[in-house]
Every structure is written in C-alpha cells, then in structure tokens.
C-alpha cells in the first residue's frame, strides 16, 4: 500500500472501531493493546469522562477503507497512570509560560508494560501513522505527543521520524 493511498482520522474511542478491524492491526500477542482490554477501560469509565484520559485512537485507513494502522492514543490532562513521572517537565513548561496539558499519550493506560504502540496491519504504514499522530497533536492544540513503553522493534520507526526515545530501565 503506498502512503498516499491512506487517510487518517481520529476515532471516537476504541469502541467505535470494530473489534475485528482493531485485532487485524494489533494481533493477539499483547492483551494490553487489544480491543477487549481497551474497550473495557472505556465501558468501565476508567478512561473518558473526568478520568483525565480521553480516548483519541488515531487511525490510518488503507485504500480498502479498513484500518491499516491504529495508535491507542489519549488526550491527557494529568500524568497519572502513565508510570512515567513527568510532573517536573510539566511544572517547568508551565513556569516558562507554556501549557503542558493536554498532551497526546500513546500508551496502554495504567500499564507500564512494553508493547506495540503502532498497531499495524501493514508495517509500511508506520510513517503515515506517526505523521498522523504529529498532525493530531498540532491540529488539536495538544502540547506534545508521548509514546511510552514502546516495543523495541518500534524504536527505529519513531527515531526515523525524529522522535526522542526515552531511556529507562525496567526490572522484570
């Protein structure tokens, strides 16, 4: 699929995307980015409403009209539930006159579990999906985009797009 044959959109939550379309992109290897887990978070109101996690899945549709790539993305109004403690960054940003929140968080909510953040039916669509994440951030008035606990296989994809990669150690 050539990149110019795709369209990008923001879905109205995980539940607005058919489970079979989501799973065609996510596969079944990591339950924390699966449709069942993420839609259960929406149904239970763990995300949405006043939780500070507003679901904004970013979808790149292929020429067949089906999702070719999905990023589990959220507009965040705080740093809770991310297991990345960036409150110092938020404070510094705001003391410098900026507004850190809302920000775009590409993650498995409440889970410091490494895994895919670019759910791709076709890996060639990774650049288009990353570009869509950047466009959503810019066009939605979000301060920045953060993809956390990304699968090591995805690091080169984000690096190629010029994203900074967080260095950290997990003990597991």
N, C-alpha and C. Protein backbone atom coordinates (compact mmCIF):
# COMPACT_ATOMS: atom_id res chain seq x y z
N UNK A 1 0.84 -1.18 0.00
CA UNK A 1 0.00 0.00 0.00
C UNK A 1 0.88 1.24 0.00
N UNK A 2 0.80 2.09 -0.98
CA UNK A 2 1.57 3.32 -0.94
C UNK A 2 1.02 4.27 0.11
N UNK A 3 1.91 5.09 0.71
CA UNK A 3 1.48 6.01 1.76
C UNK A 3 0.41 6.96 1.28
N UNK A 4 0.44 7.39 0.02
CA UNK A 4 -0.52 8.37 -0.45
C UNK A 4 -1.90 7.77 -0.68
N UNK A 5 -2.07 6.49 -0.47
CA UNK A 5 -3.36 5.84 -0.65
C UNK A 5 -4.09 5.67 0.67
N UNK A 6 -3.66 6.38 1.70
CA UNK A 6 -4.28 6.23 3.01
C UNK A 6 -4.89 7.56 3.45
N UNK A 7 -5.83 7.46 4.37
CA UNK A 7 -6.40 8.64 5.01
C UNK A 7 -6.28 8.43 6.51
N UNK A 8 -6.14 9.53 7.23
CA UNK A 8 -6.01 9.46 8.69
C UNK A 8 -7.24 10.09 9.32
N UNK A 9 -7.59 9.58 10.50
CA UNK A 9 -8.74 10.12 11.23
C UNK A 9 -8.57 9.82 12.71
N UNK A 10 -9.34 10.56 13.52
CA UNK A 10 -9.42 10.29 14.95
C UNK A 10 -10.73 9.57 15.18
N UNK A 11 -10.68 8.40 15.78
CA UNK A 11 -11.90 7.65 16.09
C UNK A 11 -12.49 8.16 17.39
N UNK A 12 -13.76 7.95 17.57
CA UNK A 12 -14.46 8.37 18.79
C UNK A 12 -14.37 7.27 19.84
N UNK A 13 -13.16 6.88 20.18
CA UNK A 13 -12.93 5.84 21.17
C UNK A 13 -12.68 4.49 20.52
N UNK A 14 -12.15 3.59 21.31
CA UNK A 14 -11.85 2.23 20.84
C UNK A 14 -13.13 1.52 20.43
N UNK A 15 -14.20 1.74 21.20
CA UNK A 15 -15.45 1.03 20.92
C UNK A 15 -16.08 1.44 19.60
N UNK A 16 -15.64 2.54 19.01
CA UNK A 16 -16.18 2.95 17.71
C UNK A 16 -15.51 2.22 16.55
N UNK A 17 -14.51 1.42 16.85
CA UNK A 17 -13.79 0.64 15.83
C UNK A 17 -14.17 -0.82 16.02
N UNK A 18 -14.54 -1.48 14.95
CA UNK A 18 -14.92 -2.89 15.04
C UNK A 18 -13.77 -3.70 15.61
N UNK A 19 -14.10 -4.61 16.52
CA UNK A 19 -13.07 -5.43 17.17
C UNK A 19 -12.23 -6.18 16.15
N UNK A 20 -12.85 -6.70 15.11
CA UNK A 20 -12.08 -7.46 14.12
C UNK A 20 -11.11 -6.56 13.35
N UNK A 21 -11.49 -5.30 13.11
CA UNK A 21 -10.57 -4.37 12.44
C UNK A 21 -9.41 -4.01 13.36
N UNK A 22 -9.72 -3.79 14.65
CA UNK A 22 -8.67 -3.47 15.63
C UNK A 22 -7.70 -4.64 15.73
N UNK A 23 -8.23 -5.83 15.90
CA UNK A 23 -7.37 -7.01 16.07
C UNK A 23 -6.57 -7.34 14.82
N UNK A 24 -7.08 -6.99 13.64
CA UNK A 24 -6.31 -7.19 12.41
C UNK A 24 -5.04 -6.35 12.44
N UNK A 25 -5.08 -5.24 13.16
CA UNK A 25 -3.89 -4.39 13.30
C UNK A 25 -3.06 -4.77 14.52
N UNK A 26 -3.72 -5.06 15.64
CA UNK A 26 -2.97 -5.29 16.88
C UNK A 26 -2.47 -6.71 17.04
N UNK A 27 -3.11 -7.67 16.39
CA UNK A 27 -2.76 -9.07 16.62
C UNK A 27 -3.24 -9.48 18.00
N UNK A 28 -2.75 -10.57 18.49
CA UNK A 28 -3.22 -11.06 19.79
C UNK A 28 -2.10 -11.25 20.80
N UNK A 29 -0.89 -10.83 20.46
CA UNK A 29 0.27 -11.11 21.31
C UNK A 29 0.29 -10.28 22.60
N UNK A 30 -0.29 -9.09 22.59
CA UNK A 30 -0.23 -8.22 23.77
C UNK A 30 -1.64 -7.79 24.15
N UNK A 31 -2.17 -8.35 25.23
CA UNK A 31 -3.56 -8.04 25.60
C UNK A 31 -3.77 -6.58 26.01
N UNK A 32 -2.71 -5.87 26.40
CA UNK A 32 -2.88 -4.50 26.88
C UNK A 32 -3.15 -3.50 25.77
N UNK A 33 -2.98 -3.90 24.52
CA UNK A 33 -3.38 -3.05 23.39
C UNK A 33 -4.49 -3.71 22.59
N UNK A 34 -5.08 -4.76 23.13
CA UNK A 34 -6.17 -5.44 22.47
C UNK A 34 -7.49 -4.68 22.61
N UNK A 35 -8.38 -4.91 21.69
CA UNK A 35 -9.68 -4.25 21.69
C UNK A 35 -10.45 -4.56 22.97
N UNK A 36 -10.40 -5.80 23.45
CA UNK A 36 -11.17 -6.19 24.64
C UNK A 36 -10.73 -5.39 25.86
N UNK A 37 -9.42 -5.29 26.09
CA UNK A 37 -8.91 -4.56 27.26
C UNK A 37 -9.23 -3.07 27.16
N UNK A 38 -8.89 -2.47 26.03
CA UNK A 38 -9.07 -1.02 25.91
C UNK A 38 -10.54 -0.62 25.88
N UNK A 39 -11.39 -1.43 25.27
CA UNK A 39 -12.82 -1.09 25.28
C UNK A 39 -13.41 -1.32 26.67
N UNK A 40 -12.88 -2.27 27.44
CA UNK A 40 -13.33 -2.46 28.83
C UNK A 40 -12.98 -1.24 29.68
N UNK A 41 -11.83 -0.62 29.42
CA UNK A 41 -11.48 0.61 30.14
C UNK A 41 -12.49 1.71 29.84
N UNK A 42 -12.94 1.79 28.58
CA UNK A 42 -13.95 2.78 28.22
C UNK A 42 -15.29 2.45 28.87
N UNK A 43 -15.71 1.19 28.78
CA UNK A 43 -17.01 0.79 29.32
C UNK A 43 -17.10 0.99 30.82
N UNK A 44 -15.99 0.77 31.51
CA UNK A 44 -15.96 0.92 32.97
C UNK A 44 -15.75 2.37 33.41
N UNK A 45 -15.55 3.26 32.45
CA UNK A 45 -15.28 4.67 32.71
C UNK A 45 -13.93 4.90 33.39
N UNK A 46 -13.04 3.91 33.26
CA UNK A 46 -11.66 4.10 33.74
C UNK A 46 -10.96 5.14 32.89
N UNK A 47 -11.34 5.22 31.61
CA UNK A 47 -10.90 6.29 30.72
C UNK A 47 -12.15 7.01 30.24
N UNK A 48 -11.99 8.26 29.83
CA UNK A 48 -13.13 9.06 29.42
C UNK A 48 -13.67 9.87 30.57
N UNK A 49 -14.67 10.66 30.29
CA UNK A 49 -15.28 11.48 31.34
C UNK A 49 -14.26 12.35 32.04
N UNK A 50 -14.26 12.29 33.36
CA UNK A 50 -13.35 13.12 34.16
C UNK A 50 -12.10 12.36 34.61
N UNK A 51 -11.79 11.26 33.95
CA UNK A 51 -10.63 10.45 34.35
C UNK A 51 -9.29 11.08 33.99
N UNK A 52 -9.31 12.04 33.06
CA UNK A 52 -8.07 12.63 32.58
C UNK A 52 -7.47 11.88 31.41
N UNK A 53 -8.13 10.80 30.98
CA UNK A 53 -7.73 10.01 29.81
C UNK A 53 -8.88 10.07 28.81
N UNK A 54 -8.77 10.89 27.77
CA UNK A 54 -9.81 10.96 26.75
C UNK A 54 -9.34 10.16 25.54
N UNK A 55 -10.04 9.07 25.23
CA UNK A 55 -9.61 8.20 24.13
C UNK A 55 -9.69 8.93 22.79
N UNK A 56 -8.57 8.93 22.08
CA UNK A 56 -8.47 9.52 20.74
C UNK A 56 -7.70 8.58 19.83
N UNK A 57 -8.17 7.36 19.61
CA UNK A 57 -7.40 6.47 18.74
C UNK A 57 -7.19 7.11 17.37
N UNK A 58 -5.95 7.10 16.92
CA UNK A 58 -5.62 7.65 15.62
C UNK A 58 -5.55 6.48 14.64
N UNK A 59 -6.31 6.61 13.56
CA UNK A 59 -6.47 5.51 12.60
C UNK A 59 -6.00 5.97 11.23
N UNK A 60 -5.22 5.13 10.57
CA UNK A 60 -4.87 5.34 9.18
C UNK A 60 -5.60 4.25 8.40
N UNK A 61 -6.52 4.68 7.53
CA UNK A 61 -7.28 3.73 6.72
C UNK A 61 -6.56 3.49 5.41
N UNK A 62 -6.55 2.23 4.99
CA UNK A 62 -5.96 1.86 3.72
C UNK A 62 -6.92 2.13 2.57
N UNK A 63 -6.49 1.87 1.36
CA UNK A 63 -7.33 2.11 0.19
C UNK A 63 -8.60 1.27 0.19
N UNK A 64 -8.60 0.18 0.96
CA UNK A 64 -9.80 -0.66 1.05
C UNK A 64 -10.79 -0.13 2.08
N UNK A 65 -10.46 1.01 2.72
CA UNK A 65 -11.34 1.60 3.72
C UNK A 65 -11.22 0.99 5.10
N UNK A 66 -10.41 -0.03 5.24
CA UNK A 66 -10.20 -0.69 6.53
C UNK A 66 -8.98 -0.09 7.21
N UNK A 67 -8.95 -0.11 8.56
CA UNK A 67 -7.76 0.40 9.24
C UNK A 67 -6.50 -0.37 8.85
N UNK A 68 -5.49 0.37 8.41
CA UNK A 68 -4.18 -0.21 8.10
C UNK A 68 -3.24 -0.03 9.28
N UNK A 69 -3.58 0.94 10.14
CA UNK A 69 -2.79 1.21 11.33
C UNK A 69 -3.62 1.98 12.34
N UNK A 70 -3.39 1.68 13.62
CA UNK A 70 -4.10 2.35 14.71
C UNK A 70 -3.09 2.62 15.82
N UNK A 71 -3.19 3.78 16.42
CA UNK A 71 -2.39 4.09 17.61
C UNK A 71 -3.35 4.29 18.78
N UNK A 72 -3.17 3.54 19.87
CA UNK A 72 -4.01 3.74 21.05
C UNK A 72 -3.60 5.05 21.74
N UNK A 73 -4.25 6.13 21.38
CA UNK A 73 -3.85 7.46 21.83
C UNK A 73 -4.92 8.07 22.73
N UNK A 74 -4.45 8.93 23.63
CA UNK A 74 -5.32 9.57 24.62
C UNK A 74 -4.89 11.01 24.81
N UNK A 75 -5.86 11.91 24.91
CA UNK A 75 -5.57 13.27 25.35
C UNK A 75 -5.54 13.21 26.87
N UNK A 76 -4.42 13.62 27.44
CA UNK A 76 -4.23 13.53 28.89
C UNK A 76 -4.25 14.91 29.52
N UNK A 77 -4.95 15.02 30.65
CA UNK A 77 -5.00 16.29 31.38
C UNK A 77 -4.18 16.23 32.67
N UNK A 78 -3.43 15.14 32.86
CA UNK A 78 -2.54 14.97 34.01
C UNK A 78 -1.55 13.86 33.66
N UNK A 79 -0.66 13.53 34.58
CA UNK A 79 0.34 12.49 34.32
C UNK A 79 0.08 11.20 35.08
N UNK A 80 -1.08 11.05 35.66
CA UNK A 80 -1.38 9.87 36.46
C UNK A 80 -1.64 8.65 35.56
N UNK A 81 -1.22 7.48 36.04
CA UNK A 81 -1.49 6.23 35.34
C UNK A 81 -0.59 5.95 34.17
N UNK A 82 0.51 6.70 34.04
CA UNK A 82 1.42 6.51 32.91
C UNK A 82 2.69 5.77 33.30
N UNK A 83 3.05 5.80 34.58
CA UNK A 83 4.29 5.22 35.07
C UNK A 83 5.51 5.89 34.46
N UNK A 84 5.34 7.12 34.02
CA UNK A 84 6.42 8.00 33.60
C UNK A 84 6.18 9.28 34.37
N UNK A 85 7.11 9.63 35.19
CA UNK A 85 6.89 10.73 36.12
C UNK A 85 7.43 12.02 35.53
N UNK A 86 6.57 12.67 34.74
CA UNK A 86 6.98 13.89 34.04
C UNK A 86 6.39 15.16 34.65
N UNK A 87 5.98 15.08 35.90
CA UNK A 87 5.40 16.25 36.55
C UNK A 87 6.41 17.40 36.62
N UNK A 88 7.70 17.07 36.75
CA UNK A 88 8.73 18.11 36.74
C UNK A 88 8.79 18.83 35.41
N UNK A 89 8.64 18.08 34.32
CA UNK A 89 8.61 18.69 33.00
C UNK A 89 7.40 19.61 32.88
N UNK A 90 6.26 19.12 33.35
CA UNK A 90 5.03 19.91 33.28
C UNK A 90 5.18 21.21 34.05
N UNK A 91 5.76 21.12 35.24
CA UNK A 91 5.96 22.30 36.07
C UNK A 91 6.89 23.30 35.37
N UNK A 92 8.01 22.80 34.85
CA UNK A 92 8.97 23.68 34.17
C UNK A 92 8.34 24.33 32.94
N UNK A 93 7.60 23.54 32.17
CA UNK A 93 6.95 24.05 30.95
C UNK A 93 6.00 25.19 31.31
N UNK A 94 5.22 24.98 32.37
CA UNK A 94 4.23 25.98 32.75
C UNK A 94 4.88 27.21 33.38
N UNK A 95 5.97 27.03 34.14
CA UNK A 95 6.68 28.19 34.69
C UNK A 95 7.31 29.02 33.57
N UNK A 96 7.62 28.37 32.45
CA UNK A 96 8.18 29.08 31.29
C UNK A 96 7.09 29.73 30.44
N UNK A 97 5.83 29.57 30.86
CA UNK A 97 4.73 30.22 30.15
C UNK A 97 3.93 29.32 29.23
N UNK A 98 4.29 28.05 29.15
CA UNK A 98 3.57 27.11 28.30
C UNK A 98 2.45 26.40 29.05
N UNK A 99 1.73 25.60 28.32
CA UNK A 99 0.68 24.77 28.91
C UNK A 99 0.97 23.32 28.52
N UNK A 100 1.40 22.52 29.49
CA UNK A 100 1.81 21.13 29.23
C UNK A 100 0.63 20.21 28.95
N UNK A 101 -0.47 20.48 29.62
CA UNK A 101 -1.68 19.67 29.42
C UNK A 101 -2.70 20.49 28.66
N UNK A 102 -3.47 19.86 27.78
CA UNK A 102 -3.46 18.44 27.46
C UNK A 102 -2.30 18.07 26.53
N UNK A 103 -1.91 16.82 26.63
CA UNK A 103 -0.86 16.24 25.79
C UNK A 103 -1.41 14.96 25.18
N UNK A 104 -0.78 14.48 24.12
CA UNK A 104 -1.20 13.22 23.50
C UNK A 104 -0.34 12.10 24.05
N UNK A 105 -0.97 11.09 24.59
CA UNK A 105 -0.28 9.94 25.17
C UNK A 105 -0.63 8.71 24.35
N UNK A 106 0.37 8.07 23.76
CA UNK A 106 0.18 6.83 23.01
C UNK A 106 0.66 5.73 23.93
N UNK A 107 -0.29 4.95 24.46
CA UNK A 107 0.06 4.05 25.56
C UNK A 107 -1.03 3.01 25.78
N UNK A 108 -0.68 2.03 26.60
CA UNK A 108 -1.65 1.12 27.20
C UNK A 108 -1.93 1.70 28.58
N UNK A 109 -3.10 2.31 28.79
CA UNK A 109 -3.35 3.01 30.06
C UNK A 109 -3.11 2.14 31.29
N UNK A 110 -2.53 2.76 32.30
CA UNK A 110 -2.34 2.15 33.62
C UNK A 110 -1.45 0.92 33.57
N UNK A 111 -0.62 0.79 32.53
CA UNK A 111 0.16 -0.43 32.33
C UNK A 111 1.58 -0.08 31.89
N UNK A 112 2.57 -0.24 32.77
CA UNK A 112 3.95 0.01 32.36
C UNK A 112 4.52 -1.20 31.62
N UNK A 113 3.73 -1.75 30.73
CA UNK A 113 4.09 -2.97 30.02
C UNK A 113 4.55 -2.61 28.62
N UNK A 114 5.80 -2.94 28.28
CA UNK A 114 6.25 -2.67 26.91
C UNK A 114 5.41 -3.43 25.90
N UNK A 115 5.19 -2.80 24.78
CA UNK A 115 4.41 -3.45 23.73
C UNK A 115 4.26 -2.53 22.54
N UNK A 116 3.56 -3.00 21.54
CA UNK A 116 3.38 -2.18 20.34
C UNK A 116 2.51 -0.96 20.64
N UNK A 117 2.88 0.15 20.06
CA UNK A 117 2.07 1.37 20.14
C UNK A 117 1.62 1.78 18.75
N UNK A 118 2.24 1.19 17.75
CA UNK A 118 1.81 1.35 16.36
C UNK A 118 1.21 0.01 15.95
N UNK A 119 -0.09 -0.06 15.97
CA UNK A 119 -0.77 -1.31 15.65
C UNK A 119 -0.98 -1.33 14.14
N UNK A 120 -0.24 -2.19 13.46
CA UNK A 120 -0.14 -2.10 12.01
C UNK A 120 -0.56 -3.39 11.32
N UNK A 121 -1.54 -3.29 10.46
CA UNK A 121 -1.88 -4.40 9.57
C UNK A 121 -0.80 -4.50 8.49
N UNK A 122 -0.24 -3.35 8.14
CA UNK A 122 0.81 -3.26 7.13
C UNK A 122 1.91 -2.37 7.69
N UNK A 123 3.06 -2.96 8.02
CA UNK A 123 4.17 -2.21 8.66
C UNK A 123 4.63 -1.03 7.82
N UNK A 124 4.42 -1.07 6.52
CA UNK A 124 4.81 0.04 5.66
C UNK A 124 4.02 1.31 5.98
N UNK A 125 2.93 1.18 6.72
CA UNK A 125 2.12 2.34 7.07
C UNK A 125 2.61 3.05 8.33
N UNK A 126 3.68 2.56 8.96
CA UNK A 126 4.20 3.19 10.17
C UNK A 126 4.50 4.67 9.98
N UNK A 127 5.21 5.08 8.92
CA UNK A 127 5.46 6.52 8.76
C UNK A 127 4.17 7.34 8.64
N UNK A 128 3.18 6.80 7.95
CA UNK A 128 1.90 7.52 7.82
C UNK A 128 1.20 7.64 9.16
N UNK A 129 1.27 6.60 9.98
CA UNK A 129 0.62 6.64 11.29
C UNK A 129 1.35 7.62 12.22
N UNK A 130 2.67 7.61 12.20
CA UNK A 130 3.43 8.56 13.02
C UNK A 130 3.15 9.99 12.57
N UNK A 131 3.10 10.22 11.26
CA UNK A 131 2.77 11.55 10.74
C UNK A 131 1.37 11.97 11.17
N UNK A 132 0.43 11.02 11.20
CA UNK A 132 -0.93 11.33 11.65
C UNK A 132 -0.94 11.71 13.12
N UNK A 133 -0.14 11.03 13.94
CA UNK A 133 -0.04 11.38 15.37
C UNK A 133 0.49 12.81 15.53
N UNK A 134 1.48 13.16 14.73
CA UNK A 134 2.04 14.51 14.79
C UNK A 134 1.00 15.54 14.35
N UNK A 135 0.25 15.24 13.30
CA UNK A 135 -0.78 16.16 12.81
C UNK A 135 -1.89 16.34 13.84
N UNK A 136 -2.31 15.25 14.47
CA UNK A 136 -3.34 15.34 15.51
C UNK A 136 -2.85 16.23 16.65
N UNK A 137 -1.60 16.05 17.05
CA UNK A 137 -1.04 16.86 18.13
C UNK A 137 -1.07 18.34 17.75
N UNK A 138 -0.60 18.65 16.56
CA UNK A 138 -0.54 20.05 16.11
C UNK A 138 -1.93 20.65 15.93
N UNK A 139 -2.82 19.91 15.28
CA UNK A 139 -4.13 20.46 14.92
C UNK A 139 -5.12 20.47 16.08
N UNK A 140 -4.85 19.72 17.12
CA UNK A 140 -5.78 19.64 18.26
C UNK A 140 -5.35 20.51 19.43
N UNK A 141 -4.28 21.26 19.27
CA UNK A 141 -3.83 22.13 20.34
C UNK A 141 -3.22 21.39 21.52
N UNK A 142 -2.70 20.20 21.26
CA UNK A 142 -2.03 19.43 22.30
C UNK A 142 -0.58 19.88 22.38
N UNK A 143 -0.02 19.88 23.58
CA UNK A 143 1.33 20.41 23.76
C UNK A 143 2.40 19.55 23.11
N UNK A 144 2.20 18.24 23.15
CA UNK A 144 3.25 17.32 22.72
C UNK A 144 2.65 15.92 22.61
N UNK A 145 3.42 15.03 22.00
CA UNK A 145 3.00 13.63 21.88
C UNK A 145 4.04 12.75 22.55
N UNK A 146 3.57 11.75 23.29
CA UNK A 146 4.44 10.85 24.04
C UNK A 146 4.00 9.41 23.77
N UNK A 147 4.90 8.60 23.26
CA UNK A 147 4.65 7.17 23.11
C UNK A 147 5.49 6.46 24.16
N UNK A 148 4.83 5.82 25.11
CA UNK A 148 5.57 5.25 26.24
C UNK A 148 5.55 3.73 26.23
N UNK A 149 6.65 3.18 26.75
CA UNK A 149 6.84 1.73 26.86
C UNK A 149 6.65 1.05 25.50
N UNK A 150 7.28 1.66 24.48
CA UNK A 150 7.15 1.12 23.13
C UNK A 150 7.98 -0.15 22.97
N UNK A 151 7.50 -1.01 22.13
CA UNK A 151 8.20 -2.24 21.79
C UNK A 151 9.56 -1.88 21.18
N UNK A 152 10.63 -2.57 21.57
CA UNK A 152 11.95 -2.25 20.99
C UNK A 152 11.98 -2.29 19.46
N UNK A 153 11.14 -3.12 18.85
CA UNK A 153 11.10 -3.17 17.39
C UNK A 153 10.57 -1.88 16.77
N UNK A 154 9.85 -1.08 17.57
CA UNK A 154 9.28 0.16 17.04
C UNK A 154 10.21 1.36 17.23
N UNK A 155 11.24 1.21 18.04
CA UNK A 155 12.16 2.33 18.30
C UNK A 155 12.70 2.92 17.00
N UNK A 156 13.21 2.11 16.05
CA UNK A 156 13.73 2.70 14.81
C UNK A 156 12.68 3.47 14.01
N UNK A 157 11.42 3.05 14.10
CA UNK A 157 10.35 3.74 13.38
C UNK A 157 10.14 5.15 13.94
N UNK A 158 10.14 5.26 15.26
CA UNK A 158 9.99 6.58 15.89
C UNK A 158 11.25 7.42 15.68
N UNK A 159 12.43 6.80 15.78
CA UNK A 159 13.68 7.53 15.55
C UNK A 159 13.74 8.09 14.14
N UNK A 160 13.31 7.29 13.16
CA UNK A 160 13.33 7.73 11.77
C UNK A 160 12.44 8.96 11.56
N UNK A 161 11.41 9.09 12.39
CA UNK A 161 10.51 10.23 12.30
C UNK A 161 11.00 11.41 13.14
N UNK A 162 12.15 11.25 13.80
CA UNK A 162 12.72 12.34 14.58
C UNK A 162 12.24 12.43 16.01
N UNK A 163 11.57 11.39 16.51
CA UNK A 163 11.10 11.40 17.90
C UNK A 163 12.27 11.09 18.82
N UNK A 164 12.26 11.69 20.00
CA UNK A 164 13.24 11.38 21.03
C UNK A 164 12.80 10.12 21.75
N UNK A 165 13.72 9.25 22.04
CA UNK A 165 13.41 7.98 22.69
C UNK A 165 13.80 8.06 24.16
N UNK A 166 12.85 7.76 25.01
CA UNK A 166 13.09 7.77 26.46
C UNK A 166 13.98 6.59 26.82
N UNK A 167 15.01 6.88 27.60
CA UNK A 167 15.89 5.82 28.08
C UNK A 167 15.48 5.49 29.51
N UNK A 168 15.27 4.24 29.79
CA UNK A 168 14.87 3.84 31.13
C UNK A 168 15.21 2.38 31.36
N UNK A 169 15.05 1.96 32.58
CA UNK A 169 15.29 0.58 32.95
C UNK A 169 14.06 0.04 33.65
N UNK A 170 13.63 -1.12 33.21
CA UNK A 170 12.54 -1.82 33.89
C UNK A 170 13.11 -3.11 34.44
N UNK A 171 12.69 -3.44 35.64
CA UNK A 171 13.16 -4.67 36.28
C UNK A 171 12.04 -5.70 36.24
N UNK A 172 12.16 -6.61 35.29
CA UNK A 172 11.18 -7.69 35.18
C UNK A 172 11.81 -8.91 34.58
